[in-house]
Amino acid sequence: MKTPYEIQPYASGAYRACTNLWKKLAISWDGKVYACCLDLDRTTYVGDVTIDGVMGVWNSPRMQELRLIHRQGRQAELALCSRCTMIQRPPQGRLAGLLKWRAERFTPFRDETTHERS
């Protein structure tokens, strides 16, 4: 999967655990639950609230396994998580955020009357 912008490659220990595994459930219209709301292809099934209920899925062995993998920094083992652009990454250096200005981070102002960029 090609992303339209550059992301840092996975390096062991470089990612922090995805907090959504402890905060949210991605429940589909049919009651099926997937590991992440960004799993649009429904690849990481974790349970069904119509069968096990919300608490049953929340505490299911699969959810516990996913949380453990994230706590241990092994996200690269999960196809869905290894490509994730939302997992928090610590900065590469103390001033990394200040020193790495990129043009794509900013939307240039465009005057709609003249169609010129300022």
PDB file of N, CA and C in Angstrom:
ATOM      1  N   MET A   1       0.849  -1.178   0.000  1.00  0.00           N
ATOM      2  CA  MET A   1       0.000   0.000   0.000  1.00  0.00           C
ATOM      3  C   MET A   1       0.887   1.231   0.000  1.00  0.00           C
ATOM      4  N   LYS A   2       0.715   2.085  -0.972  1.00  0.00           N
ATOM      5  CA  LYS A   2       1.512   3.297  -1.074  1.00  0.00           C
ATOM      6  C   LYS A   2       0.755   4.451  -0.436  1.00  0.00           C
ATOM      7  N   THR A   3       1.459   5.181   0.407  1.00  0.00           N
ATOM      8  CA  THR A   3       0.845   6.340   1.039  1.00  0.00           C
ATOM      9  C   THR A   3       1.224   7.585   0.253  1.00  0.00           C
ATOM     10  N   PRO A   4       0.362   8.601   0.256  1.00  0.00           N
ATOM     11  CA  PRO A   4       0.651   9.815  -0.505  1.00  0.00           C
ATOM     12  C   PRO A   4       1.696  10.699   0.170  1.00  0.00           C
ATOM     13  N   TYR A   5       2.199  10.306   1.340  1.00  0.00           N
ATOM     14  CA  TYR A   5       3.198  11.086   2.042  1.00  0.00           C
ATOM     15  C   TYR A   5       4.171  10.137   2.731  1.00  0.00           C
ATOM     16  N   GLU A   6       5.298  10.662   3.077  1.00  0.00           N
ATOM     17  CA  GLU A   6       6.351   9.857   3.679  1.00  0.00           C
ATOM     18  C   GLU A   6       6.016   9.523   5.129  1.00  0.00           C
ATOM     19  N   ILE A   7       6.208   8.262   5.517  1.00  0.00           N
ATOM     20  CA  ILE A   7       6.072   7.878   6.921  1.00  0.00           C
ATOM     21  C   ILE A   7       7.362   7.208   7.349  1.00  0.00           C
ATOM     22  N   GLN A   8       7.618   7.257   8.627  1.00  0.00           N
ATOM     23  CA  GLN A   8       8.816   6.617   9.135  1.00  0.00           C
ATOM     24  C   GLN A   8       8.648   5.109   9.063  1.00  0.00           C
ATOM     25  N   PRO A   9       9.677   4.388   8.613  1.00  0.00           N
ATOM     26  CA  PRO A   9       9.566   2.928   8.589  1.00  0.00           C
ATOM     27  C   PRO A   9       9.560   2.367  10.002  1.00  0.00           C
ATOM     28  N   TYR A  10       9.012   1.186  10.164  1.00  0.00           N
ATOM     29  CA  TYR A  10       8.967   0.554  11.478  1.00  0.00           C
ATOM     30  C   TYR A  10      10.369   0.172  11.911  1.00  0.00           C
ATOM     31  N   ALA A  11      10.707   0.501  13.113  1.00  0.00           N
ATOM     32  CA  ALA A  11      11.962   0.063  13.717  1.00  0.00           C
ATOM     33  C   ALA A  11      11.607  -0.455  15.101  1.00  0.00           C
ATOM     34  N   SER A  12      12.147  -1.568  15.460  1.00  0.00           N
ATOM     35  CA  SER A  12      11.808  -2.196  16.735  1.00  0.00           C
ATOM     36  C   SER A  12      11.919  -1.180  17.871  1.00  0.00           C
ATOM     37  N   GLY A  13      10.863  -1.071  18.641  1.00  0.00           N
ATOM     38  CA  GLY A  13      10.847  -0.153  19.762  1.00  0.00           C
ATOM     39  C   GLY A  13      10.539   1.292  19.400  1.00  0.00           C
ATOM     40  N   ALA A  14      10.375   1.602  18.123  1.00  0.00           N
ATOM     41  CA  ALA A  14      10.164   2.987  17.718  1.00  0.00           C
ATOM     42  C   ALA A  14       8.718   3.437  17.909  1.00  0.00           C
ATOM     43  N   TYR A  15       7.783   2.523  17.937  1.00  0.00           N
ATOM     44  CA  TYR A  15       6.382   2.901  18.076  1.00  0.00           C
ATOM     45  C   TYR A  15       5.923   2.780  19.525  1.00  0.00           C
ATOM     46  N   ARG A  16       4.991   3.621  19.858  1.00  0.00           N
ATOM     47  CA  ARG A  16       4.315   3.488  21.145  1.00  0.00           C
ATOM     48  C   ARG A  16       3.055   2.675  20.906  1.00  0.00           C
ATOM     49  N   ALA A  17       2.553   2.068  21.938  1.00  0.00           N
ATOM     50  CA  ALA A  17       1.331   1.279  21.802  1.00  0.00           C
ATOM     51  C   ALA A  17       0.179   2.162  21.350  1.00  0.00           C
ATOM     52  N   CYS A  18      -0.678   1.617  20.506  1.00  0.00           N
ATOM     53  CA  CYS A  18      -1.860   2.328  20.034  1.00  0.00           C
ATOM     54  C   CYS A  18      -2.857   2.424  21.184  1.00  0.00           C
ATOM     55  N   THR A  19      -3.159   3.623  21.607  1.00  0.00           N
ATOM     56  CA  THR A  19      -4.051   3.804  22.753  1.00  0.00           C
ATOM     57  C   THR A  19      -5.494   3.444  22.440  1.00  0.00           C
ATOM     58  N   ASN A  20      -5.848   3.372  21.161  1.00  0.00           N
ATOM     59  CA  ASN A  20      -7.228   3.035  20.806  1.00  0.00           C
ATOM     60  C   ASN A  20      -7.622   1.640  21.263  1.00  0.00           C
ATOM     61  N   LEU A  21      -6.665   0.753  21.416  1.00  0.00           N
ATOM     62  CA  LEU A  21      -6.973  -0.602  21.888  1.00  0.00           C
ATOM     63  C   LEU A  21      -7.472  -0.600  23.324  1.00  0.00           C
ATOM     64  N   TRP A  22      -7.209   0.462  24.050  1.00  0.00           N
ATOM     65  CA  TRP A  22      -7.670   0.589  25.429  1.00  0.00           C
ATOM     66  C   TRP A  22      -8.800   1.600  25.569  1.00  0.00           C
ATOM     67  N   LYS A  23      -9.169   2.275  24.471  1.00  0.00           N
ATOM     68  CA  LYS A  23     -10.171   3.336  24.550  1.00  0.00           C
ATOM     69  C   LYS A  23     -11.420   3.090  23.720  1.00  0.00           C
ATOM     70  N   LYS A  24     -11.298   2.383  22.592  1.00  0.00           N
ATOM     71  CA  LYS A  24     -12.395   2.324  21.630  1.00  0.00           C
ATOM     72  C   LYS A  24     -12.609   0.918  21.092  1.00  0.00           C
ATOM     73  N   LEU A  25     -13.821   0.686  20.608  1.00  0.00           N
ATOM     74  CA  LEU A  25     -14.133  -0.515  19.837  1.00  0.00           C
ATOM     75  C   LEU A  25     -14.676  -0.070  18.486  1.00  0.00           C
ATOM     76  N   ALA A  26     -14.180  -0.678  17.437  1.00  0.00           N
ATOM     77  CA  ALA A  26     -14.669  -0.372  16.087  1.00  0.00           C
ATOM     78  C   ALA A  26     -15.766  -1.373  15.756  1.00  0.00           C
ATOM     79  N   ILE A  27     -17.008  -1.004  16.053  1.00  0.00           N
ATOM     80  CA  ILE A  27     -18.155  -1.895  15.852  1.00  0.00           C
ATOM     81  C   ILE A  27     -18.805  -1.572  14.517  1.00  0.00           C
ATOM     82  N   SER A  28     -18.906  -2.576  13.669  1.00  0.00           N
ATOM     83  CA  SER A  28     -19.516  -2.417  12.353  1.00  0.00           C
ATOM     84  C   SER A  28     -21.035  -2.436  12.480  1.00  0.00           C
ATOM     85  N   TRP A  29     -21.718  -2.099  11.419  1.00  0.00           N
ATOM     86  CA  TRP A  29     -23.172  -2.029  11.407  1.00  0.00           C
ATOM     87  C   TRP A  29     -23.827  -3.367  11.776  1.00  0.00           C
ATOM     88  N   ASP A  30     -23.121  -4.471  11.516  1.00  0.00           N
ATOM     89  CA  ASP A  30     -23.694  -5.798  11.766  1.00  0.00           C
ATOM     90  C   ASP A  30     -23.285  -6.384  13.117  1.00  0.00           C
ATOM     91  N   GLY A  31     -22.618  -5.587  13.949  1.00  0.00           N
ATOM     92  CA  GLY A  31     -22.217  -6.040  15.272  1.00  0.00           C
ATOM     93  C   GLY A  31     -20.831  -6.646  15.332  1.00  0.00           C
ATOM     94  N   LYS A  32     -20.211  -6.856  14.195  1.00  0.00           N
ATOM     95  CA  LYS A  32     -18.864  -7.401  14.178  1.00  0.00           C
ATOM     96  C   LYS A  32     -17.875  -6.303  14.585  1.00  0.00           C
ATOM     97  N   VAL A  33     -16.874  -6.709  15.338  1.00  0.00           N
ATOM     98  CA  VAL A  33     -15.899  -5.761  15.869  1.00  0.00           C
ATOM     99  C   VAL A  33     -14.540  -6.048  15.255  1.00  0.00           C
ATOM    100  N   TYR A  34     -13.878  -4.981  14.843  1.00  0.00           N
ATOM    101  CA  TYR A  34     -12.553  -5.076  14.242  1.00  0.00           C
ATOM    102  C   TYR A  34     -11.574  -4.305  15.112  1.00  0.00           C
ATOM    103  N   ALA A  35     -10.306  -4.615  14.989  1.00  0.00           N
ATOM    104  CA  ALA A  35      -9.285  -4.053  15.865  1.00  0.00           C
ATOM    105  C   ALA A  35      -9.195  -2.541  15.781  1.00  0.00           C
ATOM    106  N   CYS A  36      -9.547  -1.973  14.640  1.00  0.00           N
ATOM    107  CA  CYS A  36      -9.312  -0.553  14.438  1.00  0.00           C
ATOM    108  C   CYS A  36     -10.381   0.056  13.535  1.00  0.00           C
ATOM    109  N   CYS A  37     -10.708   1.303  13.791  1.00  0.00           N
ATOM    110  CA  CYS A  37     -11.670   2.008  12.938  1.00  0.00           C
ATOM    111  C   CYS A  37     -11.069   2.306  11.568  1.00  0.00           C
ATOM    112  N   LEU A  38      -9.760   2.204  11.423  1.00  0.00           N
ATOM    113  CA  LEU A  38      -9.102   2.424  10.143  1.00  0.00           C
ATOM    114  C   LEU A  38      -8.994   1.138   9.318  1.00  0.00           C
ATOM    115  N   ASP A  39      -9.507   0.046   9.842  1.00  0.00           N
ATOM    116  CA  ASP A  39      -9.476  -1.243   9.145  1.00  0.00           C
ATOM    117  C   ASP A  39     -10.671  -1.313   8.191  1.00  0.00           C
ATOM    118  N   LEU A  40     -10.604  -0.528   7.127  1.00  0.00           N
ATOM    119  CA  LEU A  40     -11.725  -0.421   6.199  1.00  0.00           C
ATOM    120  C   LEU A  40     -11.975  -1.704   5.407  1.00  0.00           C
ATOM    121  N   ASP A  41     -10.954  -2.527   5.285  1.00  0.00           N
ATOM    122  CA  ASP A  41     -11.108  -3.793   4.568  1.00  0.00           C
ATOM    123  C   ASP A  41     -11.533  -4.934   5.487  1.00  0.00           C
ATOM    124  N   ARG A  42     -11.745  -4.628   6.762  1.00  0.00           N
ATOM    125  CA  ARG A  42     -12.191  -5.601   7.754  1.00  0.00           C
ATOM    126  C   ARG A  42     -11.264  -6.818   7.802  1.00  0.00           C
ATOM    127  N   THR A  43     -10.011  -6.577   8.055  1.00  0.00           N
ATOM    128  CA  THR A  43      -9.028  -7.657   8.046  1.00  0.00           C
ATOM    129  C   THR A  43      -8.728  -8.232   9.427  1.00  0.00           C
ATOM    130  N   THR A  44      -8.963  -7.451  10.484  1.00  0.00           N
ATOM    131  CA  THR A  44      -8.572  -7.884  11.822  1.00  0.00           C
ATOM    132  C   THR A  44      -9.804  -8.004  12.714  1.00  0.00           C
ATOM    133  N   TYR A  45     -10.516  -9.100  12.543  1.00  0.00           N
ATOM    134  CA  TYR A  45     -11.748  -9.384  13.288  1.00  0.00           C
ATOM    135  C   TYR A  45     -11.403  -9.759  14.727  1.00  0.00           C
ATOM    136  N   VAL A  46     -12.146  -9.183  15.687  1.00  0.00           N
ATOM    137  CA  VAL A  46     -11.903  -9.520  17.091  1.00  0.00           C
ATOM    138  C   VAL A  46     -13.120 -10.088  17.807  1.00  0.00           C
ATOM    139  N   GLY A  47     -14.300  -9.948  17.251  1.00  0.00           N
ATOM    140  CA  GLY A  47     -15.474 -10.498  17.920  1.00  0.00           C
ATOM    141  C   GLY A  47     -16.770  -9.960  17.354  1.00  0.00           C
ATOM    142  N   ASP A  48     -17.872 -10.335  18.025  1.00  0.00           N
ATOM    143  CA  ASP A  48     -19.212  -9.941  17.588  1.00  0.00           C
ATOM    144  C   ASP A  48     -20.028  -9.565  18.817  1.00  0.00           C
ATOM    145  N   VAL A  49     -20.461  -8.307  18.896  1.00  0.00           N
ATOM    146  CA  VAL A  49     -21.206  -7.855  20.072  1.00  0.00           C
ATOM    147  C   VAL A  49     -22.604  -8.463  20.141  1.00  0.00           C
ATOM    148  N   THR A  50     -23.139  -8.928  19.025  1.00  0.00           N
ATOM    149  CA  THR A  50     -24.464  -9.556  19.064  1.00  0.00           C
ATOM    150  C   THR A  50     -24.402 -10.941  19.700  1.00  0.00           C
ATOM    151  N   ILE A  51     -23.227 -11.509  19.767  1.00  0.00           N
ATOM    152  CA  ILE A  51     -23.043 -12.833  20.378  1.00  0.00           C
ATOM    153  C   ILE A  51     -22.452 -12.714  21.782  1.00  0.00           C
ATOM    154  N   ASP A  52     -21.362 -11.969  21.906  1.00  0.00           N
ATOM    155  CA  ASP A  52     -20.621 -11.907  23.164  1.00  0.00           C
ATOM    156  C   ASP A  52     -20.890 -10.663  23.993  1.00  0.00           C
ATOM    157  N   GLY A  53     -21.586  -9.681  23.427  1.00  0.00           N
ATOM    158  CA  GLY A  53     -21.801  -8.417  24.118  1.00  0.00           C
ATOM    159  C   GLY A  53     -20.557  -7.553  24.061  1.00  0.00           C
ATOM    160  N   VAL A  54     -20.729  -6.296  24.423  1.00  0.00           N
ATOM    161  CA  VAL A  54     -19.626  -5.346  24.348  1.00  0.00           C
ATOM    162  C   VAL A  54     -18.491  -5.756  25.296  1.00  0.00           C
ATOM    163  N   MET A  55     -18.812  -6.072  26.530  1.00  0.00           N
ATOM    164  CA  MET A  55     -17.779  -6.437  27.498  1.00  0.00           C
ATOM    165  C   MET A  55     -17.097  -7.752  27.128  1.00  0.00           C
ATOM    166  N   GLY A  56     -17.850  -8.666  26.532  1.00  0.00           N
ATOM    167  CA  GLY A  56     -17.256  -9.925  26.100  1.00  0.00           C
ATOM    168  C   GLY A  56     -16.205  -9.712  25.027  1.00  0.00           C
ATOM    169  N   VAL A  57     -16.491  -8.831  24.072  1.00  0.00           N
ATOM    170  CA  VAL A  57     -15.519  -8.538  23.018  1.00  0.00           C
ATOM    171  C   VAL A  57     -14.363  -7.723  23.590  1.00  0.00           C
ATOM    172  N   TRP A  58     -14.685  -6.744  24.443  1.00  0.00           N
ATOM    173  CA  TRP A  58     -13.659  -5.876  25.027  1.00  0.00           C
ATOM    174  C   TRP A  58     -12.599  -6.698  25.771  1.00  0.00           C
ATOM    175  N   ASN A  59     -13.030  -7.736  26.463  1.00  0.00           N
ATOM    176  CA  ASN A  59     -12.119  -8.566  27.249  1.00  0.00           C
ATOM    177  C   ASN A  59     -11.763  -9.882  26.563  1.00  0.00           C
ATOM    178  N   SER A  60     -12.058  -9.999  25.285  1.00  0.00           N
ATOM    179  CA  SER A  60     -11.827 -11.248  24.558  1.00  0.00           C
ATOM    180  C   SER A  60     -10.336 -11.578  24.466  1.00  0.00           C
ATOM    181  N   PRO A  61     -10.022 -12.857  24.290  1.00  0.00           N
ATOM    182  CA  PRO A  61      -8.617 -13.241  24.128  1.00  0.00           C
ATOM    183  C   PRO A  61      -7.936 -12.519  22.968  1.00  0.00           C
ATOM    184  N   ARG A  62      -8.651 -12.279  21.875  1.00  0.00           N
ATOM    185  CA  ARG A  62      -8.048 -11.604  20.727  1.00  0.00           C
ATOM    186  C   ARG A  62      -7.683 -10.154  21.065  1.00  0.00           C
ATOM    187  N   MET A  63      -8.565  -9.440  21.768  1.00  0.00           N
ATOM    188  CA  MET A  63      -8.254  -8.058  22.161  1.00  0.00           C
ATOM    189  C   MET A  63      -7.081  -8.046  23.138  1.00  0.00           C
ATOM    190  N   GLN A  64      -7.047  -9.004  24.055  1.00  0.00           N
ATOM    191  CA  GLN A  64      -5.941  -9.078  25.001  1.00  0.00           C
ATOM    192  C   GLN A  64      -4.628  -9.360  24.273  1.00  0.00           C
ATOM    193  N   GLU A  65      -4.693 -10.210  23.267  1.00  0.00           N
ATOM    194  CA  GLU A  65      -3.504 -10.523  22.479  1.00  0.00           C
ATOM    195  C   GLU A  65      -3.003  -9.282  21.729  1.00  0.00           C
ATOM    196  N   LEU A  66      -3.924  -8.528  21.104  1.00  0.00           N
ATOM    197  CA  LEU A  66      -3.543  -7.313  20.385  1.00  0.00           C
ATOM    198  C   LEU A  66      -2.923  -6.285  21.323  1.00  0.00           C
ATOM    199  N   ARG A  67      -3.493  -6.131  22.513  1.00  0.00           N
ATOM    200  CA  ARG A  67      -2.944  -5.195  23.489  1.00  0.00           C
ATOM    201  C   ARG A  67      -1.544  -5.619  23.931  1.00  0.00           C
ATOM    202  N   LEU A  68      -1.358  -6.917  24.141  1.00  0.00           N
ATOM    203  CA  LEU A  68      -0.046  -7.420  24.548  1.00  0.00           C
ATOM    204  C   LEU A  68       0.996  -7.157  23.456  1.00  0.00           C
ATOM    205  N   ILE A  69       0.642  -7.425  22.209  1.00  0.00           N
ATOM    206  CA  ILE A  69       1.555  -7.184  21.091  1.00  0.00           C
ATOM    207  C   ILE A  69       1.972  -5.711  21.053  1.00  0.00           C
ATOM    208  N   HIS A  70       1.021  -4.821  21.276  1.00  0.00           N
ATOM    209  CA  HIS A  70       1.339  -3.388  21.269  1.00  0.00           C
ATOM    210  C   HIS A  70       2.184  -2.998  22.478  1.00  0.00           C
ATOM    211  N   ARG A  71       1.869  -3.529  23.645  1.00  0.00           N
ATOM    212  CA  ARG A  71       2.671  -3.213  24.839  1.00  0.00           C
ATOM    213  C   ARG A  71       4.116  -3.664  24.672  1.00  0.00           C
ATOM    214  N   GLN A  72       4.296  -4.775  23.961  1.00  0.00           N
ATOM    215  CA  GLN A  72       5.640  -5.305  23.756  1.00  0.00           C
ATOM    216  C   GLN A  72       6.360  -4.672  22.569  1.00  0.00           C
ATOM    217  N   GLY A  73       5.702  -3.733  21.872  1.00  0.00           N
ATOM    218  CA  GLY A  73       6.330  -3.040  20.749  1.00  0.00           C
ATOM    219  C   GLY A  73       6.498  -3.913  19.519  1.00  0.00           C
ATOM    220  N   ARG A  74       5.600  -4.878  19.336  1.00  0.00           N
ATOM    221  CA  ARG A  74       5.707  -5.822  18.217  1.00  0.00           C
ATOM    222  C   ARG A  74       4.654  -5.543  17.144  1.00  0.00           C
ATOM    223  N   GLN A  75       4.320  -4.278  16.917  1.00  0.00           N
ATOM    224  CA  GLN A  75       3.287  -3.916  15.956  1.00  0.00           C
ATOM    225  C   GLN A  75       3.599  -4.383  14.545  1.00  0.00           C
ATOM    226  N   ALA A  76       4.859  -4.522  14.208  1.00  0.00           N
ATOM    227  CA  ALA A  76       5.235  -4.942  12.850  1.00  0.00           C
ATOM    228  C   ALA A  76       4.724  -6.347  12.538  1.00  0.00           C
ATOM    229  N   GLU A  77       4.404  -7.118  13.545  1.00  0.00           N
ATOM    230  CA  GLU A  77       3.870  -8.472  13.341  1.00  0.00           C
ATOM    231  C   GLU A  77       2.432  -8.444  12.835  1.00  0.00           C
ATOM    232  N   LEU A  78       1.758  -7.327  13.004  1.00  0.00           N
ATOM    233  CA  LEU A  78       0.364  -7.191  12.585  1.00  0.00           C
ATOM    234  C   LEU A  78       0.319  -6.413  11.282  1.00  0.00           C
ATOM    235  N   ALA A  79      -0.193  -7.029  10.240  1.00  0.00           N
ATOM    236  CA  ALA A  79      -0.216  -6.376   8.922  1.00  0.00           C
ATOM    237  C   ALA A  79      -0.897  -5.010   8.993  1.00  0.00           C
ATOM    238  N   LEU A  80      -2.019  -4.938   9.666  1.00  0.00           N
ATOM    239  CA  LEU A  80      -2.762  -3.682   9.761  1.00  0.00           C
ATOM    240  C   LEU A  80      -1.934  -2.605  10.464  1.00  0.00           C
ATOM    241  N   CYS A  81      -1.304  -2.948  11.552  1.00  0.00           N
ATOM    242  CA  CYS A  81      -0.565  -1.975  12.357  1.00  0.00           C
ATOM    243  C   CYS A  81       0.785  -1.610  11.746  1.00  0.00           C
ATOM    244  N   SER A  82       1.380  -2.512  11.008  1.00  0.00           N
ATOM    245  CA  SER A  82       2.702  -2.226  10.443  1.00  0.00           C
ATOM    246  C   SER A  82       2.646  -1.125   9.391  1.00  0.00           C
ATOM    247  N   ARG A  83       1.479  -0.887   8.801  1.00  0.00           N
ATOM    248  CA  ARG A  83       1.314   0.165   7.796  1.00  0.00           C
ATOM    249  C   ARG A  83       0.643   1.413   8.360  1.00  0.00           C
ATOM    250  N   CYS A  84       0.354   1.405   9.636  1.00  0.00           N
ATOM    251  CA  CYS A  84      -0.434   2.478  10.234  1.00  0.00           C
ATOM    252  C   CYS A  84       0.319   3.797  10.258  1.00  0.00           C
ATOM    253  N   THR A  85      -0.377   4.844   9.889  1.00  0.00           N
ATOM    254  CA  THR A  85       0.195   6.186   9.949  1.00  0.00           C
ATOM    255  C   THR A  85      -0.287   6.947  11.178  1.00  0.00           C
ATOM    256  N   MET A  86      -1.111   6.302  12.001  1.00  0.00           N
ATOM    257  CA  MET A  86      -1.667   6.978  13.162  1.00  0.00           C
ATOM    258  C   MET A  86      -0.970   6.611  14.473  1.00  0.00           C
ATOM    259  N   ILE A  87      -0.202   5.519  14.484  1.00  0.00           N
ATOM    260  CA  ILE A  87       0.488   5.133  15.705  1.00  0.00           C
ATOM    261  C   ILE A  87       1.499   6.212  16.039  1.00  0.00           C
ATOM    262  N   GLN A  88       1.508   6.615  17.281  1.00  0.00           N
ATOM    263  CA  GLN A  88       2.418   7.681  17.698  1.00  0.00           C
ATOM    264  C   GLN A  88       3.857   7.204  17.598  1.00  0.00           C
ATOM    265  N   ARG A  89       4.680   8.052  17.066  1.00  0.00           N
ATOM    266  CA  ARG A  89       6.105   7.771  16.978  1.00  0.00           C
ATOM    267  C   ARG A  89       6.845   8.853  17.753  1.00  0.00           C
ATOM    268  N   PRO A  90       7.765   8.470  18.610  1.00  0.00           N
ATOM    269  CA  PRO A  90       8.529   9.506  19.301  1.00  0.00           C
ATOM    270  C   PRO A  90       9.420  10.245  18.314  1.00  0.00           C
ATOM    271  N   PRO A  91       9.695  11.512  18.544  1.00  0.00           N
ATOM    272  CA  PRO A  91      10.548  12.264  17.625  1.00  0.00           C
ATOM    273  C   PRO A  91      11.946  11.651  17.567  1.00  0.00           C
ATOM    274  N   GLN A  92      12.615  11.800  16.434  1.00  0.00           N
ATOM    275  CA  GLN A  92      13.950  11.245  16.245  1.00  0.00           C
ATOM    276  C   GLN A  92      14.992  11.973  17.097  1.00  0.00           C
ATOM    277  N   GLY A  93      14.752  13.203  17.407  1.00  0.00           N
ATOM    278  CA  GLY A  93      15.685  13.972  18.228  1.00  0.00           C
ATOM    279  C   GLY A  93      14.922  15.003  19.022  1.00  0.00           C
ATOM    280  N   ARG A  94      15.611  15.690  19.901  1.00  0.00           N
ATOM    281  CA  ARG A  94      14.936  16.656  20.761  1.00  0.00           C
ATOM    282  C   ARG A  94      14.307  17.796  19.982  1.00  0.00           C
ATOM    283  N   LEU A  95      14.913  18.189  18.880  1.00  0.00           N
ATOM    284  CA  LEU A  95      14.400  19.307  18.086  1.00  0.00           C
ATOM    285  C   LEU A  95      13.822  18.853  16.753  1.00  0.00           C
ATOM    286  N   ALA A  96      13.526  17.564  16.628  1.00  0.00           N
ATOM    287  CA  ALA A  96      13.104  17.011  15.341  1.00  0.00           C
ATOM    288  C   ALA A  96      11.893  17.737  14.767  1.00  0.00           C
ATOM    289  N   GLY A  97      10.913  18.044  15.589  1.00  0.00           N
ATOM    290  CA  GLY A  97       9.717  18.707  15.098  1.00  0.00           C
ATOM    291  C   GLY A  97       9.977  20.117  14.606  1.00  0.00           C
ATOM    292  N   LEU A  98      10.947  20.791  15.200  1.00  0.00           N
ATOM    293  CA  LEU A  98      11.252  22.160  14.800  1.00  0.00           C
ATOM    294  C   LEU A  98      12.153  22.218  13.564  1.00  0.00           C
ATOM    295  N   LEU A  99      13.028  21.243  13.424  1.00  0.00           N
ATOM    296  CA  LEU A  99      14.013  21.289  12.360  1.00  0.00           C
ATOM    297  C   LEU A  99      13.545  20.680  11.044  1.00  0.00           C
ATOM    298  N   LYS A 100      12.470  19.902  11.074  1.00  0.00           N
ATOM    299  CA  LYS A 100      12.050  19.195   9.869  1.00  0.00           C
ATOM    300  C   LYS A 100      10.819  19.862   9.242  1.00  0.00           C
ATOM    301  N   TRP A 101      10.939  21.115   8.897  1.00  0.00           N
ATOM    302  CA  TRP A 101       9.836  21.800   8.233  1.00  0.00           C
ATOM    303  C   TRP A 101       9.723  21.251   6.821  1.00  0.00           C
ATOM    304  N   ARG A 102       8.511  20.970   6.384  1.00  0.00           N
ATOM    305  CA  ARG A 102       8.288  20.466   5.033  1.00  0.00           C
ATOM    306  C   ARG A 102       7.148  21.240   4.399  1.00  0.00           C
ATOM    307  N   ALA A 103       7.266  21.462   3.123  1.00  0.00           N
ATOM    308  CA  ALA A 103       6.269  22.253   2.405  1.00  0.00           C
ATOM    309  C   ALA A 103       4.886  21.613   2.466  1.00  0.00           C
ATOM    310  N   GLU A 104       4.806  20.271   2.456  1.00  0.00           N
ATOM    311  CA  GLU A 104       3.492  19.628   2.425  1.00  0.00           C
ATOM    312  C   GLU A 104       2.728  19.765   3.736  1.00  0.00           C
ATOM    313  N   ARG A 105       3.402  20.234   4.789  1.00  0.00           N
ATOM    314  CA  ARG A 105       2.716  20.428   6.062  1.00  0.00           C
ATOM    315  C   ARG A 105       1.842  21.672   6.055  1.00  0.00           C
ATOM    316  N   PHE A 106       2.077  22.549   5.114  1.00  0.00           N
ATOM    317  CA  PHE A 106       1.378  23.818   5.086  1.00  0.00           C
ATOM    318  C   PHE A 106       0.564  23.956   3.803  1.00  0.00           C
ATOM    319  N   THR A 107      -0.617  24.475   3.930  1.00  0.00           N
ATOM    320  CA  THR A 107      -1.433  24.776   2.764  1.00  0.00           C
ATOM    321  C   THR A 107      -1.200  26.238   2.430  1.00  0.00           C
ATOM    322  N   PRO A 108      -0.635  26.508   1.267  1.00  0.00           N
ATOM    323  CA  PRO A 108      -0.374  27.908   0.939  1.00  0.00           C
ATOM    324  C   PRO A 108      -1.684  28.676   0.756  1.00  0.00           C
ATOM    325  N   PHE A 109      -1.667  29.916   1.163  1.00  0.00           N
ATOM    326  CA  PHE A 109      -2.836  30.765   0.974  1.00  0.00           C
ATOM    327  C   PHE A 109      -3.013  31.027  -0.514  1.00  0.00           C
ATOM    328  N   ARG A 110      -4.229  30.913  -0.961  1.00  0.00           N
ATOM    329  CA  ARG A 110      -4.506  31.146  -2.372  1.00  0.00           C
ATOM    330  C   ARG A 110      -5.614  32.175  -2.481  1.00  0.00           C
ATOM    331  N   ASP A 111      -5.325  33.229  -3.186  1.00  0.00           N
ATOM    332  CA  ASP A 111      -6.308  34.279  -3.392  1.00  0.00           C
ATOM    333  C   ASP A 111      -7.239  33.824  -4.507  1.00  0.00           C
ATOM    334  N   GLU A 112      -8.480  33.540  -4.161  1.00  0.00           N
ATOM    335  CA  GLU A 112      -9.435  33.010  -5.136  1.00  0.00           C
ATOM    336  C   GLU A 112      -9.815  34.013  -6.222  1.00  0.00           C
ATOM    337  N   THR A 113      -9.588  35.280  -5.953  1.00  0.00           N
ATOM    338  CA  THR A 113      -9.944  36.283  -6.966  1.00  0.00           C
ATOM    339  C   THR A 113      -8.901  36.364  -8.067  1.00  0.00           C
ATOM    340  N   THR A 114      -7.627  36.162  -7.691  1.00  0.00           N
ATOM    341  CA  THR A 114      -6.557  36.264  -8.711  1.00  0.00           C
ATOM    342  C   THR A 114      -5.950  34.915  -9.043  1.00  0.00           C
ATOM    343  N   HIS A 115      -6.273  33.881  -8.226  1.00  0.00           N
ATOM    344  CA  HIS A 115      -5.735  32.534  -8.385  1.00  0.00           C
ATOM    345  C   HIS A 115      -4.219  32.507  -8.285  1.00  0.00           C
ATOM    346  N   GLU A 116      -3.694  33.419  -7.482  1.00  0.00           N
ATOM    347  CA  GLU A 116      -2.264  33.461  -7.255  1.00  0.00           C
ATOM    348  C   GLU A 116      -1.964  33.053  -5.827  1.00  0.00           C
ATOM    349  N   ARG A 117      -0.822  32.412  -5.690  1.00  0.00           N
ATOM    350  CA  ARG A 117      -0.388  32.049  -4.338  1.00  0.00           C
ATOM    351  C   ARG A 117       0.397  33.201  -3.748  1.00  0.00           C
ATOM    352  N   SER A 118       0.202  33.396  -2.477  1.00  0.00           N
ATOM    353  CA  SER A 118       0.981  34.456  -1.829  1.00  0.00           C
ATOM    354  C   SER A 118       2.122  33.870  -1.052  1.00  0.00           C
TER     355      SER A 118
END
